[in-house]
Amino acid sequence: MSGIRVAVVDDQQLFCSGMQMLIESQPDLEFVGSAHDGAAAVQLATTQSPDVMLMDVRMPVMDGIAATARIRSEARATLDAEPRPKVIVLTTFQRDEAVVRAIHAGADGFIVKDAAPEFVLAAIRTVHAGHSVIAPSDTADLLRARQGVRRRPDDTAIAPLSAREKEVFLLAARGLSNADIGRTAYISEATVKSHVRSILAKLGLTSRVQLVAHAYENGLLG
């Protein structure tokens, strides 16, 4: 059985080689290629269909944020129930302004480039499983630091959602897993996944991290 297909995008070839060795050391992961600029990353996503991409922010030709936005846009165009790849943004420090822009571009999370190998591996597996690798509180802190003010609640931001979808939206925005949402809302995990897909589609979002940002920016987290 093939493992989780992972690609690495960074303009430093030595970093990519190190990540390749780490990924290939794991029986449940499969290294499917690397790219050294954003434009090549978009092409790699198309030709190799990775499940997860580790994406550097600052690169030549096209930066990682623009590449992430392009990849997410093309993934949405396929109309797959679970569009691939998931994108984990690599940054040099946690409070990087680029992280906020990456969230808006559709990244599924971020990790610092000097993270421990075990954390990188856990992040890959976590994102592949449909979760994020940035907590809702961290997302809110990043947005609060950028905006400097707490937003008034704007319920029109989730007006397209049904009553049940609004409930699932708020639970997901608080960082609950699909299983926890199911137990709280008394619905199956499969139904939660269906609701989350519908919520993202109706609101024009591409990831659960982006869902958290949407909730915070419209004052819906309370």
N, C-alpha and C. Protein backbone atom coordinates (compact mmCIF):
# COMPACT_ATOMS: atom_id res chain seq x y z
N MET A 1 0.85 -1.19 0.00
CA MET A 1 0.00 0.00 0.00
C MET A 1 0.88 1.24 0.00
N SER A 2 0.62 2.17 -0.90
CA SER A 2 1.43 3.38 -0.99
C SER A 2 1.17 4.28 0.21
N GLY A 3 2.18 5.08 0.55
CA GLY A 3 2.06 5.96 1.70
C GLY A 3 1.55 7.32 1.31
N ILE A 4 1.61 8.24 2.26
CA ILE A 4 1.22 9.62 2.02
C ILE A 4 2.25 10.24 1.08
N ARG A 5 1.80 10.77 -0.03
CA ARG A 5 2.68 11.33 -1.04
C ARG A 5 3.07 12.76 -0.66
N VAL A 6 4.35 13.02 -0.49
CA VAL A 6 4.82 14.30 0.01
C VAL A 6 5.79 14.94 -0.98
N ALA A 7 5.60 16.23 -1.24
CA ALA A 7 6.53 17.02 -2.06
C ALA A 7 7.07 18.16 -1.23
N VAL A 8 8.27 18.61 -1.55
CA VAL A 8 8.94 19.69 -0.81
C VAL A 8 9.29 20.81 -1.77
N VAL A 9 8.97 22.05 -1.37
CA VAL A 9 9.26 23.22 -2.21
C VAL A 9 10.08 24.21 -1.39
N ASP A 10 11.31 24.43 -1.83
CA ASP A 10 12.21 25.36 -1.15
C ASP A 10 13.33 25.72 -2.11
N ASP A 11 13.79 26.96 -2.09
CA ASP A 11 14.84 27.36 -3.02
C ASP A 11 16.22 26.88 -2.59
N GLN A 12 16.32 26.29 -1.40
CA GLN A 12 17.58 25.73 -0.93
C GLN A 12 17.59 24.22 -1.17
N GLN A 13 18.40 23.78 -2.11
CA GLN A 13 18.42 22.37 -2.47
C GLN A 13 18.85 21.48 -1.31
N LEU A 14 19.75 22.00 -0.45
CA LEU A 14 20.19 21.22 0.69
C LEU A 14 19.04 20.93 1.64
N PHE A 15 18.17 21.94 1.84
CA PHE A 15 16.99 21.74 2.70
C PHE A 15 16.07 20.67 2.10
N CYS A 16 15.85 20.76 0.79
CA CYS A 16 14.99 19.77 0.13
C CYS A 16 15.56 18.37 0.27
N SER A 17 16.87 18.25 0.13
CA SER A 17 17.51 16.94 0.25
C SER A 17 17.36 16.38 1.66
N GLY A 18 17.49 17.25 2.65
CA GLY A 18 17.31 16.83 4.03
C GLY A 18 15.88 16.35 4.29
N MET A 19 14.91 17.09 3.77
CA MET A 19 13.52 16.69 3.92
C MET A 19 13.24 15.38 3.19
N GLN A 20 13.87 15.20 2.03
CA GLN A 20 13.69 13.96 1.29
C GLN A 20 14.16 12.77 2.11
N MET A 21 15.34 12.89 2.72
CA MET A 21 15.87 11.81 3.55
C MET A 21 14.95 11.51 4.72
N LEU A 22 14.41 12.57 5.35
CA LEU A 22 13.51 12.39 6.49
C LEU A 22 12.24 11.66 6.05
N ILE A 23 11.66 12.11 4.96
CA ILE A 23 10.41 11.51 4.47
C ILE A 23 10.62 10.05 4.07
N GLU A 24 11.72 9.79 3.37
CA GLU A 24 11.98 8.42 2.89
C GLU A 24 12.32 7.46 4.03
N SER A 25 12.61 8.00 5.21
CA SER A 25 12.91 7.14 6.36
C SER A 25 11.65 6.58 7.00
N GLN A 26 10.48 7.08 6.56
CA GLN A 26 9.22 6.69 7.19
C GLN A 26 8.44 5.71 6.30
N PRO A 27 8.00 4.59 6.84
CA PRO A 27 7.31 3.59 6.01
C PRO A 27 5.96 4.04 5.47
N ASP A 28 5.34 5.03 6.12
CA ASP A 28 4.01 5.46 5.68
C ASP A 28 4.05 6.72 4.83
N LEU A 29 5.26 7.21 4.49
CA LEU A 29 5.39 8.41 3.67
C LEU A 29 6.15 8.07 2.39
N GLU A 30 5.82 8.81 1.32
CA GLU A 30 6.48 8.61 0.03
C GLU A 30 6.90 9.96 -0.55
N PHE A 31 8.17 10.15 -0.78
CA PHE A 31 8.66 11.39 -1.38
C PHE A 31 8.43 11.35 -2.88
N VAL A 32 7.74 12.40 -3.42
CA VAL A 32 7.37 12.37 -4.83
C VAL A 32 8.01 13.50 -5.64
N GLY A 33 8.89 14.28 -5.00
CA GLY A 33 9.59 15.29 -5.78
C GLY A 33 9.77 16.59 -5.03
N SER A 34 10.62 17.45 -5.61
CA SER A 34 10.87 18.76 -5.02
C SER A 34 10.87 19.82 -6.11
N ALA A 35 10.68 21.07 -5.71
CA ALA A 35 10.74 22.21 -6.61
C ALA A 35 11.44 23.34 -5.88
N HIS A 36 12.02 24.26 -6.65
CA HIS A 36 12.84 25.30 -6.03
C HIS A 36 12.32 26.71 -6.29
N ASP A 37 11.15 26.83 -6.87
CA ASP A 37 10.47 28.12 -6.98
C ASP A 37 8.98 27.85 -7.08
N GLY A 38 8.18 28.91 -6.91
CA GLY A 38 6.74 28.74 -6.84
C GLY A 38 6.11 28.24 -8.13
N ALA A 39 6.61 28.71 -9.27
CA ALA A 39 6.05 28.28 -10.55
C ALA A 39 6.28 26.78 -10.74
N ALA A 40 7.48 26.31 -10.39
CA ALA A 40 7.77 24.89 -10.49
C ALA A 40 6.92 24.09 -9.50
N ALA A 41 6.58 24.70 -8.37
CA ALA A 41 5.73 24.03 -7.38
C ALA A 41 4.34 23.76 -7.95
N VAL A 42 3.80 24.75 -8.66
CA VAL A 42 2.47 24.57 -9.27
C VAL A 42 2.50 23.42 -10.26
N GLN A 43 3.55 23.37 -11.06
CA GLN A 43 3.69 22.29 -12.04
C GLN A 43 3.85 20.94 -11.35
N LEU A 44 4.65 20.92 -10.27
CA LEU A 44 4.86 19.68 -9.52
C LEU A 44 3.55 19.16 -8.94
N ALA A 45 2.72 20.08 -8.44
CA ALA A 45 1.43 19.68 -7.87
C ALA A 45 0.56 19.01 -8.94
N THR A 46 0.66 19.49 -10.17
CA THR A 46 -0.14 18.94 -11.26
C THR A 46 0.38 17.59 -11.74
N THR A 47 1.70 17.49 -11.90
CA THR A 47 2.28 16.29 -12.50
C THR A 47 2.40 15.12 -11.51
N GLN A 48 2.65 15.42 -10.22
CA GLN A 48 2.90 14.35 -9.25
C GLN A 48 1.75 14.10 -8.29
N SER A 49 0.78 14.98 -8.25
CA SER A 49 -0.40 14.82 -7.38
C SER A 49 -0.03 14.42 -5.94
N PRO A 50 0.80 15.22 -5.29
CA PRO A 50 1.13 14.89 -3.90
C PRO A 50 -0.09 15.06 -3.00
N ASP A 51 -0.07 14.34 -1.89
CA ASP A 51 -1.12 14.52 -0.88
C ASP A 51 -0.83 15.75 -0.03
N VAL A 52 0.45 15.98 0.25
CA VAL A 52 0.88 17.08 1.11
C VAL A 52 2.09 17.75 0.47
N MET A 53 2.12 19.09 0.50
CA MET A 53 3.29 19.83 0.04
C MET A 53 3.82 20.69 1.18
N LEU A 54 5.12 20.61 1.42
CA LEU A 54 5.79 21.53 2.33
C LEU A 54 6.27 22.71 1.48
N MET A 55 5.77 23.91 1.76
CA MET A 55 5.95 25.06 0.87
C MET A 55 6.66 26.22 1.57
N ASP A 56 7.87 26.56 1.08
CA ASP A 56 8.57 27.73 1.60
C ASP A 56 7.84 28.99 1.16
N VAL A 57 7.99 30.07 1.93
CA VAL A 57 7.31 31.33 1.60
C VAL A 57 8.10 32.14 0.59
N ARG A 58 9.36 32.37 0.86
CA ARG A 58 10.15 33.29 0.04
C ARG A 58 10.99 32.53 -0.97
N MET A 59 10.59 32.62 -2.25
CA MET A 59 11.27 31.92 -3.33
C MET A 59 11.25 32.79 -4.58
N PRO A 60 12.17 32.51 -5.53
CA PRO A 60 12.17 33.28 -6.79
C PRO A 60 11.03 32.87 -7.71
N VAL A 61 10.84 33.66 -8.77
CA VAL A 61 9.86 33.44 -9.84
C VAL A 61 8.44 33.67 -9.33
N MET A 62 8.02 32.89 -8.35
CA MET A 62 6.71 33.03 -7.71
C MET A 62 6.88 32.62 -6.26
N ASP A 63 6.42 33.44 -5.32
CA ASP A 63 6.61 33.07 -3.91
C ASP A 63 5.63 31.98 -3.49
N GLY A 64 5.86 31.44 -2.29
CA GLY A 64 5.06 30.32 -1.83
C GLY A 64 3.60 30.65 -1.61
N ILE A 65 3.31 31.89 -1.28
CA ILE A 65 1.91 32.29 -1.06
C ILE A 65 1.14 32.31 -2.37
N ALA A 66 1.74 32.91 -3.41
CA ALA A 66 1.09 32.93 -4.72
C ALA A 66 0.95 31.51 -5.26
N ALA A 67 1.98 30.68 -5.04
CA ALA A 67 1.92 29.29 -5.50
C ALA A 67 0.81 28.52 -4.79
N THR A 68 0.69 28.74 -3.48
CA THR A 68 -0.37 28.09 -2.71
C THR A 68 -1.74 28.49 -3.23
N ALA A 69 -1.95 29.78 -3.47
CA ALA A 69 -3.23 30.25 -4.00
C ALA A 69 -3.53 29.62 -5.35
N ARG A 70 -2.52 29.52 -6.22
CA ARG A 70 -2.73 28.91 -7.54
C ARG A 70 -3.06 27.42 -7.42
N ILE A 71 -2.34 26.73 -6.56
CA ILE A 71 -2.57 25.30 -6.37
C ILE A 71 -3.96 25.04 -5.81
N ARG A 72 -4.36 25.85 -4.81
CA ARG A 72 -5.69 25.67 -4.22
C ARG A 72 -6.78 25.97 -5.24
N SER A 73 -6.57 27.00 -6.06
CA SER A 73 -7.55 27.36 -7.08
C SER A 73 -7.71 26.22 -8.09
N GLU A 74 -6.61 25.64 -8.51
CA GLU A 74 -6.68 24.55 -9.49
C GLU A 74 -7.28 23.29 -8.86
N ALA A 75 -7.01 23.08 -7.55
CA ALA A 75 -7.59 21.93 -6.87
C ALA A 75 -9.11 22.07 -6.78
N ARG A 76 -9.59 23.29 -6.48
CA ARG A 76 -11.04 23.52 -6.42
C ARG A 76 -11.69 23.28 -7.77
N ALA A 77 -10.99 23.61 -8.84
CA ALA A 77 -11.55 23.47 -10.18
C ALA A 77 -11.80 22.02 -10.56
N THR A 78 -11.12 21.07 -9.87
CA THR A 78 -11.31 19.65 -10.17
C THR A 78 -12.62 19.11 -9.60
N LEU A 79 -13.21 19.87 -8.65
CA LEU A 79 -14.47 19.49 -8.01
C LEU A 79 -14.35 18.19 -7.22
N ASP A 80 -13.13 17.82 -6.80
CA ASP A 80 -12.95 16.63 -5.97
C ASP A 80 -13.54 16.89 -4.58
N ALA A 81 -14.05 15.82 -3.97
CA ALA A 81 -14.60 15.96 -2.62
C ALA A 81 -13.51 16.35 -1.63
N GLU A 82 -12.29 15.82 -1.85
CA GLU A 82 -11.16 16.14 -0.97
C GLU A 82 -10.02 16.65 -1.84
N PRO A 83 -10.07 17.93 -2.22
CA PRO A 83 -9.03 18.45 -3.13
C PRO A 83 -7.64 18.32 -2.56
N ARG A 84 -6.70 17.95 -3.42
CA ARG A 84 -5.31 17.83 -3.03
C ARG A 84 -4.49 18.83 -3.85
N PRO A 85 -3.28 19.10 -3.41
CA PRO A 85 -2.65 18.67 -2.16
C PRO A 85 -2.98 19.58 -1.00
N LYS A 86 -2.76 19.08 0.21
CA LYS A 86 -2.76 19.94 1.38
C LYS A 86 -1.43 20.68 1.40
N VAL A 87 -1.44 21.93 1.85
CA VAL A 87 -0.22 22.73 1.84
C VAL A 87 0.16 23.16 3.25
N ILE A 88 1.39 22.83 3.64
CA ILE A 88 1.94 23.29 4.90
C ILE A 88 3.01 24.33 4.57
N VAL A 89 2.83 25.54 5.03
CA VAL A 89 3.77 26.62 4.74
C VAL A 89 4.94 26.58 5.72
N LEU A 90 6.13 26.75 5.19
CA LEU A 90 7.35 26.79 5.99
C LEU A 90 7.77 28.23 6.20
N THR A 91 8.02 28.60 7.44
CA THR A 91 8.42 29.97 7.73
C THR A 91 9.59 29.98 8.70
N THR A 92 10.30 31.08 8.76
CA THR A 92 11.49 31.14 9.61
C THR A 92 11.17 31.54 11.04
N PHE A 93 10.04 32.21 11.25
CA PHE A 93 9.65 32.52 12.63
C PHE A 93 8.14 32.60 12.74
N GLN A 94 7.62 32.29 13.92
CA GLN A 94 6.21 32.02 14.12
C GLN A 94 5.30 33.22 13.83
N ARG A 95 5.77 34.42 14.12
CA ARG A 95 4.91 35.59 13.96
C ARG A 95 5.10 36.26 12.60
N ASP A 96 5.54 35.48 11.64
CA ASP A 96 5.78 36.00 10.30
C ASP A 96 4.47 36.56 9.72
N GLU A 97 4.51 37.81 9.26
CA GLU A 97 3.36 38.43 8.61
C GLU A 97 2.87 37.59 7.44
N ALA A 98 3.81 36.88 6.78
CA ALA A 98 3.45 36.07 5.62
C ALA A 98 2.51 34.93 5.99
N VAL A 99 2.53 34.50 7.26
CA VAL A 99 1.66 33.41 7.67
C VAL A 99 0.19 33.79 7.49
N VAL A 100 -0.16 35.01 7.84
CA VAL A 100 -1.55 35.46 7.69
C VAL A 100 -1.95 35.43 6.22
N ARG A 101 -1.06 35.91 5.35
CA ARG A 101 -1.35 35.89 3.92
C ARG A 101 -1.44 34.46 3.39
N ALA A 102 -0.64 33.57 3.96
CA ALA A 102 -0.69 32.17 3.56
C ALA A 102 -2.02 31.53 3.95
N ILE A 103 -2.52 31.89 5.12
CA ILE A 103 -3.83 31.38 5.56
C ILE A 103 -4.90 31.81 4.57
N HIS A 104 -4.87 33.09 4.18
CA HIS A 104 -5.86 33.57 3.22
C HIS A 104 -5.70 32.92 1.85
N ALA A 105 -4.49 32.52 1.53
CA ALA A 105 -4.24 31.87 0.24
C ALA A 105 -4.74 30.43 0.23
N GLY A 106 -5.03 29.88 1.42
CA GLY A 106 -5.58 28.53 1.48
C GLY A 106 -4.68 27.49 2.09
N ALA A 107 -3.59 27.90 2.74
CA ALA A 107 -2.71 26.93 3.38
C ALA A 107 -3.44 26.19 4.50
N ASP A 108 -3.05 24.95 4.70
CA ASP A 108 -3.69 24.13 5.73
C ASP A 108 -2.98 24.22 7.06
N GLY A 109 -1.90 24.99 7.11
CA GLY A 109 -1.18 25.16 8.35
C GLY A 109 0.22 25.68 8.08
N PHE A 110 1.01 25.84 9.14
CA PHE A 110 2.38 26.28 8.96
C PHE A 110 3.26 25.69 10.05
N ILE A 111 4.54 25.55 9.73
CA ILE A 111 5.52 25.13 10.72
C ILE A 111 6.78 25.97 10.50
N VAL A 112 7.54 26.16 11.56
CA VAL A 112 8.80 26.88 11.42
C VAL A 112 9.84 25.93 10.84
N LYS A 113 10.78 26.48 10.08
CA LYS A 113 11.73 25.64 9.34
C LYS A 113 12.71 24.91 10.25
N ASP A 114 12.88 25.40 11.48
CA ASP A 114 13.80 24.71 12.39
C ASP A 114 13.07 23.78 13.36
N ALA A 115 11.83 23.41 12.98
CA ALA A 115 11.07 22.48 13.83
C ALA A 115 11.78 21.13 13.90
N ALA A 116 11.56 20.43 14.99
CA ALA A 116 12.15 19.10 15.16
C ALA A 116 11.61 18.15 14.09
N PRO A 117 12.43 17.21 13.61
CA PRO A 117 11.97 16.26 12.59
C PRO A 117 10.67 15.55 12.98
N GLU A 118 10.55 15.19 14.25
CA GLU A 118 9.34 14.49 14.69
C GLU A 118 8.10 15.37 14.52
N PHE A 119 8.27 16.67 14.74
CA PHE A 119 7.14 17.59 14.59
C PHE A 119 6.76 17.73 13.12
N VAL A 120 7.76 17.79 12.24
CA VAL A 120 7.49 17.89 10.80
C VAL A 120 6.70 16.66 10.34
N LEU A 121 7.13 15.49 10.76
CA LEU A 121 6.44 14.25 10.38
C LEU A 121 5.01 14.23 10.92
N ALA A 122 4.86 14.65 12.17
CA ALA A 122 3.51 14.70 12.76
C ALA A 122 2.63 15.69 12.02
N ALA A 123 3.20 16.82 11.59
CA ALA A 123 2.44 17.83 10.86
C ALA A 123 1.94 17.27 9.54
N ILE A 124 2.79 16.54 8.84
CA ILE A 124 2.39 15.94 7.56
C ILE A 124 1.21 14.99 7.77
N ARG A 125 1.32 14.14 8.76
CA ARG A 125 0.26 13.15 9.02
C ARG A 125 -1.03 13.83 9.49
N THR A 126 -0.87 14.86 10.30
CA THR A 126 -2.04 15.57 10.82
C THR A 126 -2.82 16.26 9.71
N VAL A 127 -2.11 16.96 8.84
CA VAL A 127 -2.76 17.67 7.74
C VAL A 127 -3.38 16.68 6.77
N HIS A 128 -2.69 15.58 6.50
CA HIS A 128 -3.25 14.57 5.59
C HIS A 128 -4.55 13.99 6.14
N ALA A 129 -4.64 13.93 7.47
CA ALA A 129 -5.85 13.38 8.10
C ALA A 129 -7.01 14.38 8.10
N GLY A 130 -6.78 15.60 7.60
CA GLY A 130 -7.86 16.57 7.49
C GLY A 130 -7.88 17.62 8.58
N HIS A 131 -6.84 17.67 9.39
CA HIS A 131 -6.77 18.67 10.45
C HIS A 131 -5.76 19.75 10.07
N SER A 132 -5.61 20.76 10.92
CA SER A 132 -4.65 21.82 10.66
C SER A 132 -3.49 21.72 11.63
N VAL A 133 -2.39 22.37 11.30
CA VAL A 133 -1.25 22.39 12.21
C VAL A 133 -0.99 23.81 12.71
N ILE A 134 -2.07 24.55 12.86
CA ILE A 134 -2.05 25.82 13.58
C ILE A 134 -3.35 25.90 14.36
N ALA A 135 -3.25 26.06 15.65
CA ALA A 135 -4.44 26.05 16.50
C ALA A 135 -5.30 27.28 16.25
N PRO A 136 -6.62 27.18 16.46
CA PRO A 136 -7.50 28.34 16.31
C PRO A 136 -7.04 29.54 17.12
N SER A 137 -6.53 29.29 18.34
CA SER A 137 -6.07 30.40 19.17
C SER A 137 -4.87 31.09 18.55
N ASP A 138 -3.98 30.31 17.94
CA ASP A 138 -2.81 30.89 17.27
C ASP A 138 -3.23 31.70 16.06
N THR A 139 -4.20 31.17 15.31
CA THR A 139 -4.71 31.91 14.15
C THR A 139 -5.29 33.24 14.60
N ALA A 140 -6.10 33.20 15.65
CA ALA A 140 -6.71 34.43 16.16
C ALA A 140 -5.66 35.42 16.65
N ASP A 141 -4.62 34.90 17.31
CA ASP A 141 -3.55 35.78 17.80
C ASP A 141 -2.83 36.47 16.64
N LEU A 142 -2.57 35.72 15.57
CA LEU A 142 -1.90 36.28 14.41
C LEU A 142 -2.74 37.39 13.78
N LEU A 143 -4.04 37.12 13.64
CA LEU A 143 -4.93 38.09 13.03
C LEU A 143 -5.12 39.31 13.93
N ARG A 144 -5.20 39.08 15.23
CA ARG A 144 -5.36 40.18 16.17
C ARG A 144 -4.13 41.09 16.14
N ALA A 145 -2.94 40.47 16.09
CA ALA A 145 -1.71 41.26 16.05
C ALA A 145 -1.64 42.09 14.77
N ARG A 146 -2.19 41.55 13.70
CA ARG A 146 -2.15 42.26 12.42
C ARG A 146 -3.16 43.40 12.40
N GLN A 147 -4.35 43.16 12.95
CA GLN A 147 -5.44 44.13 12.84
C GLN A 147 -5.49 45.09 14.03
N GLY A 148 -5.02 44.61 15.21
CA GLY A 148 -4.96 45.47 16.38
C GLY A 148 -6.32 45.80 16.99
N VAL A 149 -7.36 45.12 16.57
CA VAL A 149 -8.69 45.42 17.09
C VAL A 149 -9.58 44.19 16.93
N ARG A 150 -10.49 44.03 17.86
CA ARG A 150 -11.43 42.92 17.79
C ARG A 150 -12.66 43.35 16.99
N ARG A 151 -13.09 42.52 16.09
CA ARG A 151 -14.19 42.85 15.20
C ARG A 151 -15.55 42.67 15.88
N ARG A 152 -16.52 43.51 15.47
CA ARG A 152 -17.90 43.29 15.90
C ARG A 152 -18.45 42.06 15.20
N PRO A 153 -19.29 41.27 15.86
CA PRO A 153 -19.87 40.10 15.21
C PRO A 153 -20.64 40.47 13.95
N ASP A 154 -20.39 39.76 12.88
CA ASP A 154 -21.09 39.98 11.62
C ASP A 154 -21.69 38.66 11.16
N ASP A 155 -22.94 38.42 11.55
CA ASP A 155 -23.59 37.15 11.23
C ASP A 155 -23.84 36.98 9.74
N THR A 156 -23.82 38.07 8.98
CA THR A 156 -24.03 37.94 7.54
C THR A 156 -22.89 37.17 6.88
N ALA A 157 -21.75 37.07 7.57
CA ALA A 157 -20.60 36.37 7.00
C ALA A 157 -20.85 34.88 6.83
N ILE A 158 -21.83 34.35 7.57
CA ILE A 158 -22.18 32.93 7.41
C ILE A 158 -23.65 32.78 7.02
N ALA A 159 -24.22 33.83 6.45
CA ALA A 159 -25.63 33.80 6.05
C ALA A 159 -25.96 32.69 5.06
N PRO A 160 -25.05 32.31 4.15
CA PRO A 160 -25.38 31.25 3.19
C PRO A 160 -25.55 29.87 3.81
N LEU A 161 -25.15 29.70 5.06
CA LEU A 161 -25.17 28.38 5.69
C LEU A 161 -26.53 28.06 6.30
N SER A 162 -26.84 26.78 6.32
CA SER A 162 -28.04 26.33 7.01
C SER A 162 -27.79 26.41 8.52
N ALA A 163 -28.84 26.22 9.31
CA ALA A 163 -28.70 26.29 10.77
C ALA A 163 -27.71 25.25 11.28
N ARG A 164 -27.79 24.03 10.75
CA ARG A 164 -26.87 22.97 11.17
C ARG A 164 -25.45 23.28 10.73
N GLU A 165 -25.28 23.83 9.53
CA GLU A 165 -23.95 24.19 9.05
C GLU A 165 -23.33 25.30 9.89
N LYS A 166 -24.16 26.25 10.34
CA LYS A 166 -23.65 27.31 11.20
C LYS A 166 -23.14 26.73 12.51
N GLU A 167 -23.85 25.75 13.04
CA GLU A 167 -23.42 25.10 14.28
C GLU A 167 -22.09 24.40 14.07
N VAL A 168 -21.96 23.66 12.97
CA VAL A 168 -20.72 22.95 12.67
C VAL A 168 -19.59 23.95 12.41
N PHE A 169 -19.89 25.05 11.73
CA PHE A 169 -18.90 26.08 11.45
C PHE A 169 -18.29 26.60 12.75
N LEU A 170 -19.11 26.95 13.71
CA LEU A 170 -18.63 27.53 14.96
C LEU A 170 -17.84 26.52 15.79
N LEU A 171 -18.24 25.26 15.74
CA LEU A 171 -17.50 24.22 16.46
C LEU A 171 -16.13 23.99 15.80
N ALA A 172 -16.12 23.95 14.47
CA ALA A 172 -14.86 23.77 13.75
C ALA A 172 -13.93 24.96 13.97
N ALA A 173 -14.50 26.15 14.02
CA ALA A 173 -13.70 27.36 14.22
C ALA A 173 -13.04 27.39 15.58
N ARG A 174 -13.62 26.67 16.53
CA ARG A 174 -13.03 26.60 17.88
C ARG A 174 -12.00 25.47 17.98
N GLY A 175 -11.76 24.78 16.87
CA GLY A 175 -10.70 23.78 16.84
C GLY A 175 -11.12 22.37 17.16
N LEU A 176 -12.42 22.09 17.25
CA LEU A 176 -12.87 20.74 17.54
C LEU A 176 -12.60 19.82 16.33
N SER A 177 -12.24 18.59 16.61
CA SER A 177 -12.05 17.60 15.57
C SER A 177 -13.41 17.17 15.03
N ASN A 178 -13.40 16.45 13.91
CA ASN A 178 -14.66 15.96 13.35
C ASN A 178 -15.38 15.06 14.34
N ALA A 179 -14.61 14.23 15.04
CA ALA A 179 -15.22 13.33 16.03
C ALA A 179 -15.86 14.12 17.16
N ASP A 180 -15.18 15.15 17.66
CA ASP A 180 -15.72 15.97 18.75
C ASP A 180 -16.95 16.75 18.30
N ILE A 181 -16.91 17.25 17.07
CA ILE A 181 -18.08 17.97 16.52
C ILE A 181 -19.26 17.03 16.44
N GLY A 182 -19.01 15.80 15.98
CA GLY A 182 -20.09 14.82 15.88
C GLY A 182 -20.72 14.52 17.22
N ARG A 183 -19.86 14.35 18.25
CA ARG A 183 -20.40 14.07 19.58
C ARG A 183 -21.18 15.26 20.12
N THR A 184 -20.69 16.46 19.88
CA THR A 184 -21.35 17.67 20.39
C THR A 184 -22.68 17.92 19.69
N ALA A 185 -22.69 17.71 18.37
CA ALA A 185 -23.89 18.02 17.58
C ALA A 185 -24.78 16.80 17.37
N TYR A 186 -24.38 15.64 17.93
CA TYR A 186 -25.16 14.40 17.80
C TYR A 186 -25.37 14.01 16.34
N ILE A 187 -24.28 14.04 15.57
CA ILE A 187 -24.31 13.60 14.18
C ILE A 187 -23.08 12.73 13.94
N SER A 188 -23.09 11.95 12.86
CA SER A 188 -21.96 11.07 12.58
C SER A 188 -20.77 11.86 12.07
N GLU A 189 -19.59 11.26 12.18
CA GLU A 189 -18.38 11.91 11.69
C GLU A 189 -18.45 12.12 10.18
N ALA A 190 -19.04 11.16 9.48
CA ALA A 190 -19.19 11.30 8.03
C ALA A 190 -20.07 12.50 7.68
N THR A 191 -21.12 12.71 8.49
CA THR A 191 -22.00 13.87 8.26
C THR A 191 -21.25 15.17 8.55
N VAL A 192 -20.40 15.16 9.57
CA VAL A 192 -19.59 16.35 9.86
C VAL A 192 -18.71 16.69 8.66
N LYS A 193 -18.03 15.69 8.11
CA LYS A 193 -17.16 15.91 6.96
C LYS A 193 -17.95 16.50 5.79
N SER A 194 -19.16 15.98 5.59
CA SER A 194 -20.01 16.49 4.51
C SER A 194 -20.39 17.95 4.75
N HIS A 195 -20.73 18.27 6.00
CA HIS A 195 -21.07 19.65 6.34
C HIS A 195 -19.88 20.58 6.14
N VAL A 196 -18.68 20.14 6.57
CA VAL A 196 -17.50 20.98 6.43
C VAL A 196 -17.20 21.25 4.97
N ARG A 197 -17.31 20.24 4.11
CA ARG A 197 -17.09 20.45 2.68
C ARG A 197 -18.09 21.46 2.13
N SER A 198 -19.35 21.33 2.55
CA SER A 198 -20.39 22.25 2.09
C SER A 198 -20.12 23.67 2.58
N ILE A 199 -19.70 23.79 3.83
CA ILE A 199 -19.41 25.12 4.42
C ILE A 199 -18.29 25.80 3.65
N LEU A 200 -17.21 25.08 3.41
CA LEU A 200 -16.08 25.66 2.68
C LEU A 200 -16.50 26.10 1.28
N ALA A 201 -17.31 25.28 0.62
CA ALA A 201 -17.76 25.62 -0.73
C ALA A 201 -18.66 26.86 -0.73
N LYS A 202 -19.60 26.90 0.20
CA LYS A 202 -20.55 28.03 0.25
C LYS A 202 -19.87 29.35 0.61
N LEU A 203 -18.83 29.29 1.43
CA LEU A 203 -18.16 30.51 1.88
C LEU A 203 -16.93 30.85 1.04
N GLY A 204 -16.63 30.01 0.05
CA GLY A 204 -15.48 30.26 -0.81
C GLY A 204 -14.17 30.10 -0.09
N LEU A 205 -14.12 29.19 0.89
CA LEU A 205 -12.90 28.93 1.66
C LEU A 205 -12.27 27.64 1.17
N THR A 206 -10.99 27.46 1.50
CA THR A 206 -10.30 26.28 0.99
C THR A 206 -9.71 25.37 2.06
N SER A 207 -9.77 25.78 3.32
CA SER A 207 -9.19 24.95 4.38
C SER A 207 -9.84 25.29 5.71
N ARG A 208 -9.62 24.41 6.68
CA ARG A 208 -10.16 24.65 8.02
C ARG A 208 -9.45 25.83 8.69
N VAL A 209 -8.18 26.02 8.38
CA VAL A 209 -7.48 27.18 8.93
C VAL A 209 -8.11 28.46 8.41
N GLN A 210 -8.44 28.47 7.12
CA GLN A 210 -9.10 29.64 6.54
C GLN A 210 -10.48 29.84 7.17
N LEU A 211 -11.13 28.76 7.53
CA LEU A 211 -12.43 28.84 8.21
C LEU A 211 -12.26 29.55 9.55
N VAL A 212 -11.21 29.22 10.29
CA VAL A 212 -10.95 29.88 11.57
C VAL A 212 -10.71 31.37 11.36
N ALA A 213 -9.91 31.70 10.34
CA ALA A 213 -9.64 33.11 10.04
C ALA A 213 -10.92 33.85 9.70
N HIS A 214 -11.80 33.21 8.93
CA HIS A 214 -13.09 33.82 8.56
C HIS A 214 -13.92 34.09 9.80
N ALA A 215 -13.93 33.14 10.72
CA ALA A 215 -14.70 33.29 11.94
C ALA A 215 -14.17 34.43 12.78
N TYR A 216 -12.84 34.50 12.93
CA TYR A 216 -12.25 35.55 13.75
C TYR A 216 -12.47 36.92 13.14
N GLU A 217 -12.18 37.04 11.84
CA GLU A 217 -12.25 38.34 11.19
C GLU A 217 -13.66 38.91 11.16
N ASN A 218 -14.64 38.05 11.34
CA ASN A 218 -16.03 38.53 11.38
C ASN A 218 -16.60 38.49 12.80
N GLY A 219 -15.71 38.38 13.79
CA GLY A 219 -16.12 38.47 15.19
C GLY A 219 -17.02 37.36 15.66
N LEU A 220 -16.88 36.15 15.08
CA LEU A 220 -17.81 35.07 15.38
C LEU A 220 -17.29 34.07 16.42
N LEU A 221 -16.05 34.26 16.88
CA LEU A 221 -15.51 33.32 17.85
C LEU A 221 -15.88 33.68 19.29
N GLY A 222 -16.37 34.89 19.49
CA GLY A 222 -16.81 35.27 20.81
C GLY A 222 -15.66 35.61 21.75
